[in-house]
Amino acid sequence: MSLIYAIDIAGTFVFTISGALAASDKKHHHDIFSVFFTGFITAIGGGTIRDVTLGAYPVAWISDINYLLAVFAGVFFTLIFRRYIIRLSRTLSLFDTIGMAIYVVLGVQKSIAFEVNLLAVILGMISGIFGGVIRDTLLNEIPLIFRKEMYATPCLLGSALFVVLHLLQVEEQLNFILSVLFIFAFRLLATKYSWSLPKLNFRESS
């Protein structure tokens, strides 16, 4: 098992926790099936869209049962240790950020393998954020991408960083680690200090 493959499985596990935590929140009152489904769709949503766009069939979670096992493990971990996880992090941001950073870089990496270097930046971002977008939509929440703080921007810049370092022939695993850390740190700082892009006002001034 390669390091990057192990990180991929770990990312699936962590993103599942993010989705399962959201669905098991008291205000939603979901049953165990909806908790599992929300965790599942959060974990595989972005990667599935990426694979379909690339024409990479069968998509990763269909061709490798370890992804589904990671989803099951993430759901049961959340159900058993939910109280302790919430004490560790009162919001979903920690698990969401970890999973997002990993999935962005994995998405860029896979896209480059399909020789789409420029599109890889966009597909990396899609891999990282669309699971969360689908999760929030299912739970009738405003997706993080539409909220004030930066969410997609760290993904886009992290994707671009990976592509640039790849073109500079930086060793693959080092590139992977540097890009993940960049996205993770950028996102945490953006949340802590409420960084946001300038707002556009399309309303006509009266």
N, C-alpha and C. Protein backbone atom coordinates (compact mmCIF):
# COMPACT_ATOMS: atom_id res chain seq x y z
N MET A 1 0.85 -1.19 0.00
CA MET A 1 0.00 0.00 0.00
C MET A 1 0.89 1.25 0.00
N SER A 2 0.70 2.13 -0.99
CA SER A 2 1.49 3.35 -1.06
C SER A 2 1.00 4.37 -0.04
N LEU A 3 1.86 5.32 0.28
CA LEU A 3 1.51 6.36 1.25
C LEU A 3 0.32 7.17 0.76
N ILE A 4 0.32 7.54 -0.52
CA ILE A 4 -0.75 8.38 -1.04
C ILE A 4 -2.09 7.63 -1.04
N TYR A 5 -2.06 6.32 -1.36
CA TYR A 5 -3.28 5.52 -1.30
C TYR A 5 -3.81 5.47 0.14
N ALA A 6 -2.91 5.30 1.10
CA ALA A 6 -3.31 5.26 2.51
C ALA A 6 -3.92 6.59 2.93
N ILE A 7 -3.34 7.69 2.45
CA ILE A 7 -3.88 9.01 2.75
C ILE A 7 -5.27 9.18 2.11
N ASP A 8 -5.44 8.64 0.91
CA ASP A 8 -6.74 8.69 0.22
C ASP A 8 -7.81 8.00 1.07
N ILE A 9 -7.51 6.81 1.56
CA ILE A 9 -8.47 6.09 2.40
C ILE A 9 -8.73 6.86 3.68
N ALA A 10 -7.66 7.42 4.26
CA ALA A 10 -7.83 8.22 5.48
C ALA A 10 -8.69 9.45 5.22
N GLY A 11 -8.52 10.06 4.04
CA GLY A 11 -9.33 11.22 3.68
C GLY A 11 -10.80 10.84 3.56
N THR A 12 -11.09 9.68 3.00
CA THR A 12 -12.46 9.19 2.92
C THR A 12 -13.06 9.03 4.31
N PHE A 13 -12.27 8.45 5.22
CA PHE A 13 -12.70 8.26 6.61
C PHE A 13 -13.02 9.60 7.27
N VAL A 14 -12.12 10.57 7.11
CA VAL A 14 -12.29 11.87 7.77
C VAL A 14 -13.47 12.63 7.18
N PHE A 15 -13.62 12.62 5.86
CA PHE A 15 -14.74 13.31 5.23
C PHE A 15 -16.07 12.66 5.61
N THR A 16 -16.07 11.35 5.79
CA THR A 16 -17.28 10.66 6.26
C THR A 16 -17.68 11.17 7.64
N ILE A 17 -16.69 11.34 8.51
CA ILE A 17 -16.97 11.87 9.84
C ILE A 17 -17.60 13.25 9.75
N SER A 18 -17.08 14.08 8.85
CA SER A 18 -17.64 15.42 8.65
C SER A 18 -19.12 15.36 8.27
N GLY A 19 -19.44 14.48 7.31
CA GLY A 19 -20.84 14.37 6.88
C GLY A 19 -21.72 13.73 7.93
N ALA A 20 -21.23 12.68 8.58
CA ALA A 20 -22.02 11.99 9.59
C ALA A 20 -22.28 12.89 10.80
N LEU A 21 -21.28 13.69 11.17
CA LEU A 21 -21.46 14.64 12.27
C LEU A 21 -22.55 15.66 11.96
N ALA A 22 -22.53 16.14 10.73
CA ALA A 22 -23.53 17.13 10.33
C ALA A 22 -24.94 16.54 10.40
N ALA A 23 -25.09 15.30 9.92
CA ALA A 23 -26.41 14.68 9.90
C ALA A 23 -26.87 14.26 11.28
N SER A 24 -25.94 13.99 12.19
CA SER A 24 -26.31 13.55 13.54
C SER A 24 -26.48 14.71 14.50
N ASP A 25 -26.34 15.92 13.99
CA ASP A 25 -26.55 17.10 14.82
C ASP A 25 -27.99 17.09 15.37
N LYS A 26 -28.17 17.57 16.58
CA LYS A 26 -29.47 17.48 17.24
C LYS A 26 -30.59 18.14 16.45
N LYS A 27 -30.28 19.22 15.74
CA LYS A 27 -31.35 19.96 15.07
C LYS A 27 -31.89 19.24 13.85
N HIS A 28 -31.17 18.19 13.37
CA HIS A 28 -31.61 17.48 12.19
C HIS A 28 -32.42 16.22 12.52
N HIS A 29 -32.15 15.57 13.66
CA HIS A 29 -32.91 14.39 14.10
C HIS A 29 -32.95 13.32 13.02
N HIS A 30 -31.84 12.96 12.46
CA HIS A 30 -31.80 11.95 11.41
C HIS A 30 -31.60 10.57 12.00
N ASP A 31 -32.09 9.53 11.26
CA ASP A 31 -31.88 8.16 11.71
C ASP A 31 -30.53 7.67 11.20
N ILE A 32 -30.19 6.43 11.56
CA ILE A 32 -28.87 5.90 11.26
C ILE A 32 -28.63 5.80 9.75
N PHE A 33 -29.70 5.51 8.97
CA PHE A 33 -29.51 5.42 7.52
C PHE A 33 -29.15 6.77 6.93
N SER A 34 -29.85 7.83 7.36
CA SER A 34 -29.57 9.15 6.79
C SER A 34 -28.20 9.66 7.24
N VAL A 35 -27.78 9.27 8.46
CA VAL A 35 -26.43 9.62 8.91
C VAL A 35 -25.39 8.93 8.02
N PHE A 36 -25.63 7.64 7.74
CA PHE A 36 -24.71 6.91 6.87
C PHE A 36 -24.70 7.51 5.46
N PHE A 37 -25.87 7.80 4.92
CA PHE A 37 -25.95 8.31 3.54
C PHE A 37 -25.27 9.67 3.43
N THR A 38 -25.48 10.53 4.43
CA THR A 38 -24.86 11.85 4.39
C THR A 38 -23.35 11.74 4.50
N GLY A 39 -22.87 10.86 5.38
CA GLY A 39 -21.42 10.64 5.47
C GLY A 39 -20.87 10.08 4.18
N PHE A 40 -21.60 9.15 3.58
CA PHE A 40 -21.18 8.52 2.32
C PHE A 40 -21.09 9.54 1.19
N ILE A 41 -22.13 10.33 1.01
CA ILE A 41 -22.17 11.28 -0.11
C ILE A 41 -21.15 12.39 0.09
N THR A 42 -20.86 12.75 1.36
CA THR A 42 -19.84 13.75 1.63
C THR A 42 -18.46 13.23 1.23
N ALA A 43 -18.23 11.95 1.52
CA ALA A 43 -16.92 11.35 1.26
C ALA A 43 -16.66 11.11 -0.21
N ILE A 44 -17.68 10.72 -0.96
CA ILE A 44 -17.43 10.30 -2.36
C ILE A 44 -17.96 11.28 -3.40
N GLY A 45 -18.70 12.31 -2.96
CA GLY A 45 -19.36 13.20 -3.92
C GLY A 45 -18.41 13.91 -4.86
N GLY A 46 -17.40 14.60 -4.30
CA GLY A 46 -16.47 15.35 -5.14
C GLY A 46 -15.63 14.45 -6.03
N GLY A 47 -15.16 13.33 -5.48
CA GLY A 47 -14.35 12.40 -6.26
C GLY A 47 -15.13 11.76 -7.40
N THR A 48 -16.42 11.51 -7.16
CA THR A 48 -17.26 10.92 -8.21
C THR A 48 -17.43 11.89 -9.37
N ILE A 49 -17.71 13.16 -9.05
CA ILE A 49 -17.85 14.17 -10.10
C ILE A 49 -16.55 14.29 -10.89
N ARG A 50 -15.42 14.27 -10.19
CA ARG A 50 -14.11 14.34 -10.85
C ARG A 50 -13.91 13.17 -11.80
N ASP A 51 -14.17 11.95 -11.33
CA ASP A 51 -13.94 10.76 -12.14
C ASP A 51 -14.85 10.72 -13.36
N VAL A 52 -16.11 11.15 -13.18
CA VAL A 52 -17.04 11.18 -14.31
C VAL A 52 -16.56 12.19 -15.34
N THR A 53 -16.09 13.35 -14.87
CA THR A 53 -15.58 14.38 -15.78
C THR A 53 -14.36 13.88 -16.56
N LEU A 54 -13.50 13.14 -15.87
CA LEU A 54 -12.29 12.62 -16.51
C LEU A 54 -12.57 11.39 -17.37
N GLY A 55 -13.73 10.78 -17.20
CA GLY A 55 -14.01 9.53 -17.89
C GLY A 55 -13.26 8.37 -17.26
N ALA A 56 -12.98 8.48 -15.96
CA ALA A 56 -12.24 7.44 -15.24
C ALA A 56 -13.23 6.43 -14.68
N TYR A 57 -13.50 5.38 -15.44
CA TYR A 57 -14.48 4.37 -15.03
C TYR A 57 -13.80 3.03 -14.79
N PRO A 58 -14.31 2.25 -13.81
CA PRO A 58 -15.33 2.65 -12.84
C PRO A 58 -14.76 3.66 -11.85
N VAL A 59 -15.65 4.47 -11.26
CA VAL A 59 -15.18 5.48 -10.31
C VAL A 59 -14.54 4.78 -9.12
N ALA A 60 -13.72 5.51 -8.39
CA ALA A 60 -12.83 4.91 -7.39
C ALA A 60 -13.56 4.06 -6.37
N TRP A 61 -14.65 4.56 -5.81
CA TRP A 61 -15.30 3.83 -4.72
C TRP A 61 -16.04 2.59 -5.19
N ILE A 62 -16.31 2.49 -6.49
CA ILE A 62 -16.94 1.29 -7.04
C ILE A 62 -15.91 0.21 -7.30
N SER A 63 -14.73 0.61 -7.72
CA SER A 63 -13.70 -0.37 -8.08
C SER A 63 -12.87 -0.83 -6.89
N ASP A 64 -12.98 -0.16 -5.75
CA ASP A 64 -12.15 -0.51 -4.60
C ASP A 64 -13.02 -0.51 -3.34
N ILE A 65 -13.25 -1.66 -2.76
CA ILE A 65 -14.14 -1.79 -1.59
C ILE A 65 -13.58 -1.08 -0.37
N ASN A 66 -12.29 -0.80 -0.35
CA ASN A 66 -11.70 -0.14 0.82
C ASN A 66 -12.31 1.24 1.07
N TYR A 67 -12.77 1.91 0.01
CA TYR A 67 -13.43 3.20 0.19
C TYR A 67 -14.74 3.04 0.96
N LEU A 68 -15.52 2.03 0.61
CA LEU A 68 -16.77 1.78 1.32
C LEU A 68 -16.50 1.36 2.76
N LEU A 69 -15.46 0.57 2.97
CA LEU A 69 -15.11 0.18 4.34
C LEU A 69 -14.72 1.40 5.16
N ALA A 70 -14.02 2.35 4.53
CA ALA A 70 -13.65 3.58 5.22
C ALA A 70 -14.88 4.41 5.58
N VAL A 71 -15.88 4.39 4.69
CA VAL A 71 -17.13 5.10 4.97
C VAL A 71 -17.84 4.47 6.16
N PHE A 72 -17.99 3.14 6.14
CA PHE A 72 -18.63 2.44 7.26
C PHE A 72 -17.88 2.74 8.56
N ALA A 73 -16.55 2.68 8.51
CA ALA A 73 -15.75 2.93 9.70
C ALA A 73 -15.96 4.36 10.20
N GLY A 74 -16.02 5.32 9.27
CA GLY A 74 -16.22 6.72 9.66
C GLY A 74 -17.57 6.95 10.31
N VAL A 75 -18.62 6.31 9.76
CA VAL A 75 -19.96 6.47 10.33
C VAL A 75 -20.02 5.87 11.74
N PHE A 76 -19.55 4.64 11.90
CA PHE A 76 -19.61 4.00 13.20
C PHE A 76 -18.71 4.70 14.22
N PHE A 77 -17.58 5.20 13.76
CA PHE A 77 -16.70 5.97 14.64
C PHE A 77 -17.43 7.20 15.16
N THR A 78 -18.16 7.87 14.27
CA THR A 78 -18.90 9.07 14.65
C THR A 78 -20.02 8.74 15.63
N LEU A 79 -20.76 7.66 15.36
CA LEU A 79 -21.87 7.29 16.24
C LEU A 79 -21.38 6.91 17.63
N ILE A 80 -20.24 6.25 17.70
CA ILE A 80 -19.72 5.78 18.98
C ILE A 80 -19.04 6.90 19.77
N PHE A 81 -18.25 7.73 19.05
CA PHE A 81 -17.43 8.73 19.73
C PHE A 81 -17.91 10.16 19.47
N ARG A 82 -19.15 10.32 19.04
CA ARG A 82 -19.65 11.64 18.67
C ARG A 82 -19.45 12.66 19.79
N ARG A 83 -19.76 12.27 21.02
CA ARG A 83 -19.64 13.19 22.15
C ARG A 83 -18.21 13.70 22.32
N TYR A 84 -17.25 12.81 22.14
CA TYR A 84 -15.85 13.18 22.31
C TYR A 84 -15.35 14.00 21.12
N ILE A 85 -15.84 13.66 19.92
CA ILE A 85 -15.44 14.41 18.73
C ILE A 85 -15.91 15.85 18.83
N ILE A 86 -17.14 16.03 19.31
CA ILE A 86 -17.69 17.38 19.44
C ILE A 86 -16.90 18.18 20.48
N ARG A 87 -16.46 17.51 21.55
CA ARG A 87 -15.63 18.20 22.54
C ARG A 87 -14.29 18.63 21.95
N LEU A 88 -13.76 17.80 21.04
CA LEU A 88 -12.50 18.12 20.39
C LEU A 88 -12.67 19.30 19.44
N SER A 89 -13.79 19.31 18.72
CA SER A 89 -14.04 20.38 17.75
C SER A 89 -15.53 20.69 17.73
N ARG A 90 -15.91 21.87 18.20
CA ARG A 90 -17.32 22.22 18.31
C ARG A 90 -17.97 22.44 16.95
N THR A 91 -17.20 22.60 15.93
CA THR A 91 -17.74 22.76 14.59
C THR A 91 -17.22 21.66 13.69
N LEU A 92 -17.72 21.62 12.46
CA LEU A 92 -17.26 20.63 11.50
C LEU A 92 -15.98 21.06 10.79
N SER A 93 -15.50 22.26 11.10
CA SER A 93 -14.44 22.84 10.28
C SER A 93 -13.15 22.02 10.30
N LEU A 94 -12.79 21.44 11.44
CA LEU A 94 -11.54 20.70 11.51
C LEU A 94 -11.56 19.49 10.58
N PHE A 95 -12.58 18.63 10.71
CA PHE A 95 -12.66 17.44 9.87
C PHE A 95 -12.92 17.81 8.42
N ASP A 96 -13.73 18.82 8.21
CA ASP A 96 -14.02 19.25 6.85
C ASP A 96 -12.76 19.77 6.17
N THR A 97 -11.94 20.52 6.91
CA THR A 97 -10.72 21.09 6.34
C THR A 97 -9.69 20.01 6.03
N ILE A 98 -9.53 19.05 6.94
CA ILE A 98 -8.59 17.96 6.70
C ILE A 98 -8.99 17.18 5.46
N GLY A 99 -10.26 16.77 5.41
CA GLY A 99 -10.73 16.00 4.26
C GLY A 99 -10.63 16.79 2.97
N MET A 100 -11.00 18.07 3.04
CA MET A 100 -10.96 18.93 1.86
C MET A 100 -9.55 19.04 1.30
N ALA A 101 -8.58 19.30 2.17
CA ALA A 101 -7.19 19.47 1.73
C ALA A 101 -6.67 18.21 1.05
N ILE A 102 -6.96 17.06 1.65
CA ILE A 102 -6.50 15.79 1.08
C ILE A 102 -7.15 15.54 -0.26
N TYR A 103 -8.46 15.75 -0.34
CA TYR A 103 -9.18 15.44 -1.57
C TYR A 103 -8.83 16.37 -2.71
N VAL A 104 -8.56 17.63 -2.38
CA VAL A 104 -8.15 18.58 -3.43
C VAL A 104 -6.89 18.08 -4.12
N VAL A 105 -5.88 17.74 -3.33
CA VAL A 105 -4.60 17.35 -3.89
C VAL A 105 -4.70 16.00 -4.60
N LEU A 106 -5.47 15.08 -4.04
CA LEU A 106 -5.69 13.80 -4.73
C LEU A 106 -6.38 14.01 -6.07
N GLY A 107 -7.32 14.96 -6.10
CA GLY A 107 -8.02 15.25 -7.34
C GLY A 107 -7.10 15.83 -8.40
N VAL A 108 -6.22 16.75 -7.98
CA VAL A 108 -5.25 17.32 -8.93
C VAL A 108 -4.32 16.23 -9.45
N GLN A 109 -3.85 15.42 -8.53
CA GLN A 109 -2.90 14.36 -8.89
C GLN A 109 -3.50 13.40 -9.91
N LYS A 110 -4.75 12.98 -9.67
CA LYS A 110 -5.39 12.05 -10.60
C LYS A 110 -5.65 12.72 -11.94
N SER A 111 -6.02 13.99 -11.91
CA SER A 111 -6.29 14.72 -13.15
C SER A 111 -5.02 14.85 -13.99
N ILE A 112 -3.89 15.10 -13.34
CA ILE A 112 -2.61 15.19 -14.05
C ILE A 112 -2.28 13.85 -14.69
N ALA A 113 -2.60 12.77 -14.00
CA ALA A 113 -2.35 11.43 -14.55
C ALA A 113 -3.13 11.21 -15.84
N PHE A 114 -4.26 11.94 -16.00
CA PHE A 114 -5.06 11.88 -17.22
C PHE A 114 -4.65 12.98 -18.21
N GLU A 115 -3.51 13.61 -17.93
CA GLU A 115 -2.89 14.60 -18.83
C GLU A 115 -3.79 15.80 -19.09
N VAL A 116 -4.37 16.33 -18.02
CA VAL A 116 -5.18 17.56 -18.13
C VAL A 116 -4.65 18.59 -17.13
N ASN A 117 -3.43 19.01 -17.34
CA ASN A 117 -2.75 19.87 -16.36
C ASN A 117 -3.52 21.14 -16.01
N LEU A 118 -4.07 21.83 -16.99
CA LEU A 118 -4.79 23.08 -16.71
C LEU A 118 -6.13 22.80 -16.04
N LEU A 119 -6.88 21.86 -16.56
CA LEU A 119 -8.16 21.49 -15.97
C LEU A 119 -7.97 20.87 -14.58
N ALA A 120 -6.79 20.36 -14.32
CA ALA A 120 -6.52 19.71 -13.03
C ALA A 120 -6.75 20.66 -11.86
N VAL A 121 -6.47 21.94 -12.06
CA VAL A 121 -6.67 22.92 -10.99
C VAL A 121 -8.15 22.98 -10.61
N ILE A 122 -9.03 23.02 -11.60
CA ILE A 122 -10.47 23.08 -11.35
C ILE A 122 -10.97 21.76 -10.78
N LEU A 123 -10.53 20.65 -11.34
CA LEU A 123 -11.00 19.35 -10.88
C LEU A 123 -10.52 19.06 -9.46
N GLY A 124 -9.34 19.57 -9.10
CA GLY A 124 -8.87 19.43 -7.73
C GLY A 124 -9.80 20.14 -6.76
N MET A 125 -10.19 21.35 -7.12
CA MET A 125 -11.12 22.10 -6.28
C MET A 125 -12.46 21.38 -6.16
N ILE A 126 -12.96 20.87 -7.29
CA ILE A 126 -14.23 20.15 -7.28
C ILE A 126 -14.14 18.93 -6.36
N SER A 127 -13.04 18.20 -6.44
CA SER A 127 -12.86 17.02 -5.59
C SER A 127 -12.95 17.38 -4.11
N GLY A 128 -12.40 18.54 -3.76
CA GLY A 128 -12.34 18.91 -2.36
C GLY A 128 -13.61 19.50 -1.79
N ILE A 129 -14.39 20.23 -2.59
CA ILE A 129 -15.50 20.98 -2.01
C ILE A 129 -16.89 20.42 -2.31
N PHE A 130 -17.04 19.64 -3.40
CA PHE A 130 -18.39 19.29 -3.81
C PHE A 130 -19.06 18.26 -2.91
N GLY A 131 -18.27 17.43 -2.22
CA GLY A 131 -18.88 16.55 -1.23
C GLY A 131 -19.55 17.36 -0.14
N GLY A 132 -18.87 18.41 0.32
CA GLY A 132 -19.43 19.29 1.34
C GLY A 132 -20.61 20.10 0.82
N VAL A 133 -20.55 20.51 -0.43
CA VAL A 133 -21.67 21.25 -1.02
C VAL A 133 -22.92 20.37 -1.06
N ILE A 134 -22.76 19.12 -1.50
CA ILE A 134 -23.89 18.20 -1.54
C ILE A 134 -24.41 17.93 -0.13
N ARG A 135 -23.50 17.73 0.82
CA ARG A 135 -23.89 17.51 2.23
C ARG A 135 -24.75 18.65 2.74
N ASP A 136 -24.28 19.88 2.58
CA ASP A 136 -25.01 21.03 3.10
C ASP A 136 -26.36 21.20 2.40
N THR A 137 -26.39 20.91 1.11
CA THR A 137 -27.65 21.02 0.37
C THR A 137 -28.66 20.01 0.88
N LEU A 138 -28.23 18.77 1.11
CA LEU A 138 -29.12 17.73 1.63
C LEU A 138 -29.67 18.10 3.00
N LEU A 139 -28.86 18.78 3.80
CA LEU A 139 -29.26 19.15 5.16
C LEU A 139 -29.92 20.52 5.22
N ASN A 140 -30.22 21.06 4.06
CA ASN A 140 -30.90 22.35 3.96
C ASN A 140 -30.11 23.48 4.64
N GLU A 141 -28.79 23.41 4.47
CA GLU A 141 -27.90 24.44 4.98
C GLU A 141 -27.31 25.22 3.80
N ILE A 142 -26.89 26.45 4.07
CA ILE A 142 -26.20 27.22 3.04
C ILE A 142 -24.80 26.62 2.88
N PRO A 143 -24.43 26.13 1.68
CA PRO A 143 -23.10 25.54 1.50
C PRO A 143 -22.00 26.52 1.88
N LEU A 144 -20.93 25.97 2.45
CA LEU A 144 -19.82 26.82 2.90
C LEU A 144 -19.25 27.68 1.79
N ILE A 145 -19.33 27.18 0.56
CA ILE A 145 -18.78 27.93 -0.57
C ILE A 145 -19.49 29.27 -0.77
N PHE A 146 -20.74 29.38 -0.26
CA PHE A 146 -21.51 30.60 -0.43
C PHE A 146 -21.51 31.47 0.83
N ARG A 147 -20.77 31.06 1.84
CA ARG A 147 -20.72 31.86 3.06
C ARG A 147 -19.56 32.86 2.98
N LYS A 148 -19.45 33.65 4.02
CA LYS A 148 -18.53 34.79 3.98
C LYS A 148 -17.07 34.37 3.88
N GLU A 149 -16.66 33.41 4.75
CA GLU A 149 -15.23 33.10 4.81
C GLU A 149 -14.77 32.34 3.58
N MET A 150 -13.48 32.43 3.30
CA MET A 150 -12.92 31.74 2.14
C MET A 150 -13.03 30.23 2.31
N TYR A 151 -13.52 29.56 1.28
CA TYR A 151 -13.63 28.10 1.30
C TYR A 151 -13.05 27.51 0.02
N ALA A 152 -13.55 27.99 -1.12
CA ALA A 152 -13.05 27.48 -2.40
C ALA A 152 -11.67 28.05 -2.74
N THR A 153 -11.38 29.28 -2.28
CA THR A 153 -10.12 29.92 -2.64
C THR A 153 -8.89 29.13 -2.20
N PRO A 154 -8.82 28.64 -0.95
CA PRO A 154 -7.66 27.82 -0.57
C PRO A 154 -7.51 26.58 -1.45
N CYS A 155 -8.66 25.99 -1.84
CA CYS A 155 -8.62 24.80 -2.70
C CYS A 155 -8.03 25.14 -4.07
N LEU A 156 -8.49 26.25 -4.63
CA LEU A 156 -8.03 26.64 -5.96
C LEU A 156 -6.54 26.97 -5.94
N LEU A 157 -6.10 27.70 -4.93
CA LEU A 157 -4.69 28.05 -4.83
C LEU A 157 -3.83 26.83 -4.52
N GLY A 158 -4.34 25.93 -3.69
CA GLY A 158 -3.61 24.71 -3.39
C GLY A 158 -3.48 23.82 -4.60
N SER A 159 -4.54 23.76 -5.42
CA SER A 159 -4.48 23.01 -6.68
C SER A 159 -3.42 23.58 -7.60
N ALA A 160 -3.43 24.91 -7.72
CA ALA A 160 -2.45 25.57 -8.58
C ALA A 160 -1.03 25.33 -8.07
N LEU A 161 -0.85 25.36 -6.75
CA LEU A 161 0.47 25.11 -6.17
C LEU A 161 0.97 23.72 -6.54
N PHE A 162 0.10 22.72 -6.45
CA PHE A 162 0.51 21.36 -6.78
C PHE A 162 0.94 21.25 -8.24
N VAL A 163 0.16 21.88 -9.13
CA VAL A 163 0.49 21.83 -10.56
C VAL A 163 1.83 22.51 -10.83
N VAL A 164 2.06 23.67 -10.21
CA VAL A 164 3.31 24.40 -10.41
C VAL A 164 4.50 23.57 -9.92
N LEU A 165 4.37 23.00 -8.71
CA LEU A 165 5.46 22.18 -8.17
C LEU A 165 5.67 20.92 -9.01
N HIS A 166 4.58 20.40 -9.57
CA HIS A 166 4.70 19.24 -10.46
C HIS A 166 5.49 19.60 -11.71
N LEU A 167 5.19 20.76 -12.29
CA LEU A 167 5.90 21.21 -13.48
C LEU A 167 7.37 21.50 -13.18
N LEU A 168 7.64 21.87 -11.92
CA LEU A 168 9.02 22.11 -11.49
C LEU A 168 9.72 20.81 -11.08
N GLN A 169 8.99 19.70 -11.24
CA GLN A 169 9.51 18.36 -10.98
C GLN A 169 9.90 18.13 -9.52
N VAL A 170 9.12 18.73 -8.62
CA VAL A 170 9.29 18.45 -7.20
C VAL A 170 8.83 17.02 -6.93
N GLU A 171 9.53 16.31 -6.07
CA GLU A 171 9.20 14.92 -5.76
C GLU A 171 7.73 14.81 -5.35
N GLU A 172 7.04 13.78 -5.86
CA GLU A 172 5.58 13.70 -5.78
C GLU A 172 5.05 13.71 -4.35
N GLN A 173 5.61 12.89 -3.48
CA GLN A 173 5.10 12.82 -2.12
C GLN A 173 5.37 14.12 -1.36
N LEU A 174 6.52 14.75 -1.60
CA LEU A 174 6.81 16.04 -0.99
C LEU A 174 5.82 17.09 -1.49
N ASN A 175 5.56 17.08 -2.79
CA ASN A 175 4.59 18.00 -3.38
C ASN A 175 3.22 17.79 -2.74
N PHE A 176 2.83 16.54 -2.58
CA PHE A 176 1.54 16.20 -1.97
C PHE A 176 1.45 16.80 -0.56
N ILE A 177 2.46 16.56 0.26
CA ILE A 177 2.44 17.03 1.64
C ILE A 177 2.42 18.55 1.71
N LEU A 178 3.26 19.21 0.91
CA LEU A 178 3.32 20.67 0.92
C LEU A 178 1.98 21.29 0.51
N SER A 179 1.35 20.72 -0.51
CA SER A 179 0.09 21.27 -1.01
C SER A 179 -1.05 21.06 -0.01
N VAL A 180 -1.09 19.88 0.63
CA VAL A 180 -2.10 19.62 1.65
C VAL A 180 -1.94 20.58 2.82
N LEU A 181 -0.70 20.75 3.29
CA LEU A 181 -0.44 21.65 4.40
C LEU A 181 -0.80 23.10 4.05
N PHE A 182 -0.53 23.49 2.81
CA PHE A 182 -0.87 24.84 2.38
C PHE A 182 -2.38 25.07 2.46
N ILE A 183 -3.17 24.15 1.91
CA ILE A 183 -4.63 24.29 1.92
C ILE A 183 -5.16 24.28 3.35
N PHE A 184 -4.65 23.34 4.14
CA PHE A 184 -5.11 23.21 5.53
C PHE A 184 -4.83 24.49 6.31
N ALA A 185 -3.60 25.00 6.22
CA ALA A 185 -3.23 26.20 6.96
C ALA A 185 -4.00 27.42 6.47
N PHE A 186 -4.13 27.55 5.16
CA PHE A 186 -4.84 28.69 4.57
C PHE A 186 -6.29 28.71 5.04
N ARG A 187 -6.93 27.56 5.01
CA ARG A 187 -8.33 27.47 5.41
C ARG A 187 -8.50 27.80 6.89
N LEU A 188 -7.64 27.26 7.74
CA LEU A 188 -7.75 27.54 9.17
C LEU A 188 -7.52 29.02 9.47
N LEU A 189 -6.54 29.62 8.81
CA LEU A 189 -6.28 31.05 9.02
C LEU A 189 -7.44 31.90 8.51
N ALA A 190 -8.01 31.50 7.37
CA ALA A 190 -9.15 32.24 6.81
C ALA A 190 -10.34 32.19 7.76
N THR A 191 -10.53 31.04 8.40
CA THR A 191 -11.63 30.91 9.35
C THR A 191 -11.37 31.71 10.62
N LYS A 192 -10.14 31.60 11.13
CA LYS A 192 -9.80 32.28 12.38
C LYS A 192 -9.87 33.79 12.25
N TYR A 193 -9.37 34.33 11.14
CA TYR A 193 -9.30 35.77 10.98
C TYR A 193 -10.39 36.33 10.06
N SER A 194 -11.36 35.47 9.69
CA SER A 194 -12.51 35.89 8.88
C SER A 194 -12.09 36.54 7.56
N TRP A 195 -11.09 35.93 6.91
CA TRP A 195 -10.69 36.42 5.60
C TRP A 195 -11.82 36.17 4.60
N SER A 196 -12.03 37.12 3.73
CA SER A 196 -13.05 36.95 2.69
C SER A 196 -12.68 37.78 1.47
N LEU A 197 -13.20 37.38 0.34
CA LEU A 197 -12.98 38.14 -0.88
C LEU A 197 -13.91 39.35 -0.91
N PRO A 198 -13.55 40.39 -1.65
CA PRO A 198 -14.43 41.58 -1.74
C PRO A 198 -15.80 41.20 -2.27
N LYS A 199 -16.82 41.80 -1.69
CA LYS A 199 -18.18 41.53 -2.13
C LYS A 199 -18.51 42.33 -3.38
N LEU A 200 -19.33 41.72 -4.23
CA LEU A 200 -19.81 42.42 -5.43
C LEU A 200 -21.26 42.83 -5.20
N ASN A 201 -21.55 44.06 -5.49
CA ASN A 201 -22.91 44.58 -5.34
C ASN A 201 -23.47 44.85 -6.71
N PHE A 202 -24.43 44.00 -7.15
CA PHE A 202 -25.00 44.14 -8.48
C PHE A 202 -26.27 44.99 -8.47
N ARG A 203 -26.67 45.44 -7.29
CA ARG A 203 -27.86 46.26 -7.24
C ARG A 203 -27.56 47.67 -7.70
N GLU A 204 -28.51 48.23 -8.39
CA GLU A 204 -28.33 49.60 -8.86
C GLU A 204 -28.45 50.54 -7.66
N SER A 205 -27.55 51.48 -7.61
CA SER A 205 -27.63 52.46 -6.51
C SER A 205 -28.83 53.35 -6.71
N SER A 206 -29.52 53.65 -5.60
CA SER A 206 -30.73 54.47 -5.70
C SER A 206 -30.39 55.96 -5.70
